[in-house]
Amino acid sequence: MATTALVVTMDESLDREASAVLAGIGFTVDQAVKLLLTQVVKEKCLPPSLHVPNQDTIDAMQELKDGGGEQFANVEDMLASLGI
């Protein structure tokens, strides 16, 4: 497969901040651009947001993995517990 180079001009601070965010989720800027363009070709549109959860969400997901949190047999029981 032939390859090509892509040059993107942007503000230094945007490059620095984006690189830091992407590094935090295990990506380089090059990998993120390839992922974006692959999805654009596959879906024929811009992909939906790739969300990075905040610490509260991460903690809540871990609580559920550890068996915590409330569980309900059905929606009606859940709504009843909320007083709805």
N, C-alpha and C. Protein backbone atom coordinates (compact mmCIF):
# COMPACT_ATOMS: atom_id res chain seq x y z
N MET A 1 0.84 -1.17 0.00
CA MET A 1 0.00 0.00 0.00
C MET A 1 0.89 1.24 0.00
N ALA A 2 0.64 2.15 -0.90
CA ALA A 2 1.38 3.41 -0.95
C ALA A 2 0.92 4.31 0.19
N THR A 3 1.81 5.11 0.69
CA THR A 3 1.46 6.03 1.77
C THR A 3 1.71 7.47 1.33
N THR A 4 1.14 8.39 2.04
CA THR A 4 1.34 9.81 1.78
C THR A 4 1.50 10.54 3.10
N ALA A 5 2.14 11.68 3.06
CA ALA A 5 2.33 12.49 4.26
C ALA A 5 1.28 13.60 4.28
N LEU A 6 0.82 13.93 5.46
CA LEU A 6 -0.17 14.98 5.64
C LEU A 6 0.43 16.02 6.59
N VAL A 7 0.45 17.26 6.18
CA VAL A 7 0.98 18.33 7.02
C VAL A 7 -0.21 19.16 7.51
N VAL A 8 -0.30 19.32 8.82
CA VAL A 8 -1.39 20.09 9.42
C VAL A 8 -0.77 21.27 10.16
N THR A 9 -1.22 22.46 9.83
CA THR A 9 -0.73 23.66 10.50
C THR A 9 -1.73 24.06 11.57
N MET A 10 -1.22 24.25 12.80
CA MET A 10 -2.10 24.64 13.91
C MET A 10 -1.31 25.44 14.93
N ASP A 11 -2.00 26.06 15.83
CA ASP A 11 -1.41 26.81 16.92
C ASP A 11 -0.59 25.87 17.79
N GLU A 12 0.58 26.33 18.24
CA GLU A 12 1.45 25.49 19.07
C GLU A 12 0.75 24.98 20.32
N SER A 13 -0.03 25.85 20.96
CA SER A 13 -0.69 25.43 22.20
C SER A 13 -1.73 24.35 21.92
N LEU A 14 -2.42 24.44 20.79
CA LEU A 14 -3.38 23.39 20.43
C LEU A 14 -2.66 22.07 20.23
N ASP A 15 -1.54 22.09 19.53
CA ASP A 15 -0.76 20.87 19.31
C ASP A 15 -0.30 20.28 20.64
N ARG A 16 0.20 21.13 21.52
CA ARG A 16 0.71 20.68 22.81
C ARG A 16 -0.41 20.09 23.67
N GLU A 17 -1.54 20.81 23.75
CA GLU A 17 -2.65 20.34 24.58
C GLU A 17 -3.29 19.07 24.01
N ALA A 18 -3.48 19.04 22.69
CA ALA A 18 -4.06 17.85 22.06
C ALA A 18 -3.14 16.64 22.24
N SER A 19 -1.84 16.85 22.10
CA SER A 19 -0.88 15.76 22.28
C SER A 19 -0.96 15.20 23.69
N ALA A 20 -1.10 16.09 24.68
CA ALA A 20 -1.19 15.64 26.08
C ALA A 20 -2.46 14.85 26.33
N VAL A 21 -3.59 15.34 25.82
CA VAL A 21 -4.86 14.62 25.99
C VAL A 21 -4.78 13.25 25.32
N LEU A 22 -4.31 13.23 24.10
CA LEU A 22 -4.23 11.96 23.36
C LEU A 22 -3.26 10.99 24.01
N ALA A 23 -2.14 11.49 24.52
CA ALA A 23 -1.19 10.62 25.21
C ALA A 23 -1.84 9.97 26.43
N GLY A 24 -2.72 10.72 27.08
CA GLY A 24 -3.42 10.20 28.26
C GLY A 24 -4.34 9.03 27.95
N ILE A 25 -4.75 8.91 26.69
CA ILE A 25 -5.60 7.76 26.31
C ILE A 25 -4.86 6.82 25.36
N GLY A 26 -3.53 6.99 25.31
CA GLY A 26 -2.71 6.03 24.58
C GLY A 26 -2.58 6.25 23.08
N PHE A 27 -2.81 7.47 22.61
CA PHE A 27 -2.71 7.77 21.19
C PHE A 27 -1.68 8.86 20.93
N THR A 28 -1.10 8.82 19.74
CA THR A 28 -0.31 9.94 19.25
C THR A 28 -1.24 10.78 18.37
N VAL A 29 -0.80 11.98 18.04
CA VAL A 29 -1.60 12.82 17.13
C VAL A 29 -1.75 12.12 15.79
N ASP A 30 -0.68 11.52 15.28
CA ASP A 30 -0.75 10.80 14.00
C ASP A 30 -1.80 9.69 14.05
N GLN A 31 -1.80 8.91 15.13
CA GLN A 31 -2.78 7.82 15.26
C GLN A 31 -4.20 8.36 15.32
N ALA A 32 -4.40 9.47 16.02
CA ALA A 32 -5.74 10.05 16.14
C ALA A 32 -6.23 10.56 14.78
N VAL A 33 -5.34 11.18 14.01
CA VAL A 33 -5.72 11.66 12.69
C VAL A 33 -6.08 10.48 11.78
N LYS A 34 -5.27 9.42 11.83
CA LYS A 34 -5.58 8.22 11.02
C LYS A 34 -6.92 7.62 11.42
N LEU A 35 -7.19 7.57 12.72
CA LEU A 35 -8.46 7.05 13.20
C LEU A 35 -9.62 7.91 12.70
N LEU A 36 -9.48 9.21 12.81
CA LEU A 36 -10.52 10.13 12.33
C LEU A 36 -10.78 9.93 10.84
N LEU A 37 -9.72 9.93 10.04
CA LEU A 37 -9.90 9.82 8.60
C LEU A 37 -10.45 8.45 8.20
N THR A 38 -10.05 7.40 8.90
CA THR A 38 -10.59 6.07 8.62
C THR A 38 -12.09 6.05 8.87
N GLN A 39 -12.53 6.67 9.97
CA GLN A 39 -13.96 6.72 10.29
C GLN A 39 -14.73 7.58 9.29
N VAL A 40 -14.13 8.68 8.85
CA VAL A 40 -14.78 9.53 7.85
C VAL A 40 -15.03 8.74 6.58
N VAL A 41 -14.03 7.97 6.14
CA VAL A 41 -14.19 7.16 4.92
C VAL A 41 -15.23 6.07 5.14
N LYS A 42 -15.16 5.39 6.27
CA LYS A 42 -16.08 4.29 6.54
C LYS A 42 -17.52 4.75 6.68
N GLU A 43 -17.74 5.83 7.42
CA GLU A 43 -19.10 6.28 7.74
C GLU A 43 -19.62 7.37 6.80
N LYS A 44 -18.73 7.93 5.99
CA LYS A 44 -19.09 9.02 5.07
C LYS A 44 -19.58 10.27 5.81
N CYS A 45 -19.08 10.46 7.02
CA CYS A 45 -19.40 11.64 7.82
C CYS A 45 -18.40 11.72 8.97
N LEU A 46 -18.45 12.82 9.70
CA LEU A 46 -17.60 12.92 10.89
C LEU A 46 -18.12 11.96 11.95
N PRO A 47 -17.22 11.29 12.66
CA PRO A 47 -17.68 10.35 13.69
C PRO A 47 -18.24 11.08 14.90
N PRO A 48 -19.07 10.38 15.68
CA PRO A 48 -19.55 10.99 16.93
C PRO A 48 -18.37 11.19 17.87
N SER A 49 -18.59 11.95 18.89
CA SER A 49 -17.55 12.27 19.86
C SER A 49 -16.95 11.01 20.48
N LEU A 50 -15.64 10.99 20.59
CA LEU A 50 -14.95 9.94 21.33
C LEU A 50 -14.70 10.52 22.71
N HIS A 51 -15.53 10.15 23.65
CA HIS A 51 -15.55 10.78 24.97
C HIS A 51 -14.56 10.12 25.92
N VAL A 52 -13.82 10.94 26.62
CA VAL A 52 -12.94 10.46 27.69
C VAL A 52 -13.66 10.75 29.00
N PRO A 53 -14.01 9.71 29.77
CA PRO A 53 -14.77 9.93 31.00
C PRO A 53 -13.97 10.69 32.04
N ASN A 54 -14.69 11.50 32.85
CA ASN A 54 -14.02 12.21 33.94
C ASN A 54 -13.85 11.25 35.12
N GLN A 55 -13.18 11.72 36.17
CA GLN A 55 -12.86 10.84 37.30
C GLN A 55 -14.11 10.32 38.00
N ASP A 56 -15.16 11.13 38.14
CA ASP A 56 -16.41 10.66 38.76
C ASP A 56 -17.00 9.49 37.99
N THR A 57 -16.99 9.59 36.67
CA THR A 57 -17.54 8.52 35.83
C THR A 57 -16.67 7.27 35.94
N ILE A 58 -15.36 7.44 35.93
CA ILE A 58 -14.45 6.31 36.07
C ILE A 58 -14.69 5.61 37.41
N ASP A 59 -14.84 6.40 38.48
CA ASP A 59 -15.09 5.83 39.81
C ASP A 59 -16.42 5.07 39.84
N ALA A 60 -17.45 5.63 39.21
CA ALA A 60 -18.77 4.97 39.18
C ALA A 60 -18.70 3.66 38.40
N MET A 61 -17.99 3.65 37.29
CA MET A 61 -17.85 2.42 36.51
C MET A 61 -17.09 1.35 37.31
N GLN A 62 -16.06 1.78 38.04
CA GLN A 62 -15.30 0.84 38.85
C GLN A 62 -16.16 0.28 39.98
N GLU A 63 -16.98 1.14 40.59
CA GLU A 63 -17.89 0.69 41.64
C GLU A 63 -18.80 -0.42 41.13
N LEU A 64 -19.34 -0.24 39.94
CA LEU A 64 -20.21 -1.27 39.35
C LEU A 64 -19.44 -2.55 39.06
N LYS A 65 -18.22 -2.42 38.55
CA LYS A 65 -17.39 -3.61 38.28
C LYS A 65 -17.10 -4.38 39.57
N ASP A 66 -16.98 -3.63 40.67
CA ASP A 66 -16.68 -4.24 41.97
C ASP A 66 -17.93 -4.78 42.67
N GLY A 67 -19.08 -4.70 42.00
CA GLY A 67 -20.31 -5.24 42.57
C GLY A 67 -21.12 -4.24 43.37
N GLY A 68 -20.70 -2.99 43.41
CA GLY A 68 -21.43 -1.97 44.15
C GLY A 68 -22.56 -1.39 43.33
N GLY A 69 -23.19 -0.38 43.91
CA GLY A 69 -24.29 0.28 43.22
C GLY A 69 -25.58 -0.49 43.38
N GLU A 70 -26.65 0.15 43.00
CA GLU A 70 -27.96 -0.51 43.09
C GLU A 70 -28.29 -1.20 41.78
N GLN A 71 -28.94 -2.35 41.90
CA GLN A 71 -29.38 -3.07 40.71
C GLN A 71 -30.87 -3.33 40.83
N PHE A 72 -31.54 -3.31 39.71
CA PHE A 72 -32.99 -3.48 39.69
C PHE A 72 -33.38 -4.54 38.67
N ALA A 73 -34.47 -5.24 38.97
CA ALA A 73 -34.95 -6.28 38.07
C ALA A 73 -35.59 -5.69 36.82
N ASN A 74 -36.13 -4.47 36.95
CA ASN A 74 -36.81 -3.86 35.81
C ASN A 74 -36.86 -2.34 35.99
N VAL A 75 -37.31 -1.66 34.97
CA VAL A 75 -37.36 -0.20 34.99
C VAL A 75 -38.34 0.31 36.05
N GLU A 76 -39.45 -0.38 36.21
CA GLU A 76 -40.45 0.05 37.19
C GLU A 76 -39.86 0.09 38.59
N ASP A 77 -39.08 -0.94 38.96
CA ASP A 77 -38.44 -0.97 40.28
C ASP A 77 -37.45 0.18 40.44
N MET A 78 -36.70 0.47 39.39
CA MET A 78 -35.74 1.57 39.44
C MET A 78 -36.47 2.90 39.65
N LEU A 79 -37.52 3.12 38.87
CA LEU A 79 -38.27 4.37 39.00
C LEU A 79 -38.91 4.49 40.38
N ALA A 80 -39.39 3.38 40.92
CA ALA A 80 -39.99 3.39 42.26
C ALA A 80 -38.94 3.79 43.31
N SER A 81 -37.71 3.31 43.15
CA SER A 81 -36.65 3.65 44.11
C SER A 81 -36.31 5.14 44.06
N LEU A 82 -36.59 5.76 42.91
CA LEU A 82 -36.35 7.19 42.75
C LEU A 82 -37.56 8.03 43.13
N GLY A 83 -38.65 7.35 43.51
CA GLY A 83 -39.87 8.05 43.88
C GLY A 83 -40.64 8.59 42.69
N ILE A 84 -40.46 7.94 41.58
CA ILE A 84 -41.14 8.39 40.35
C ILE A 84 -42.28 7.45 40.01
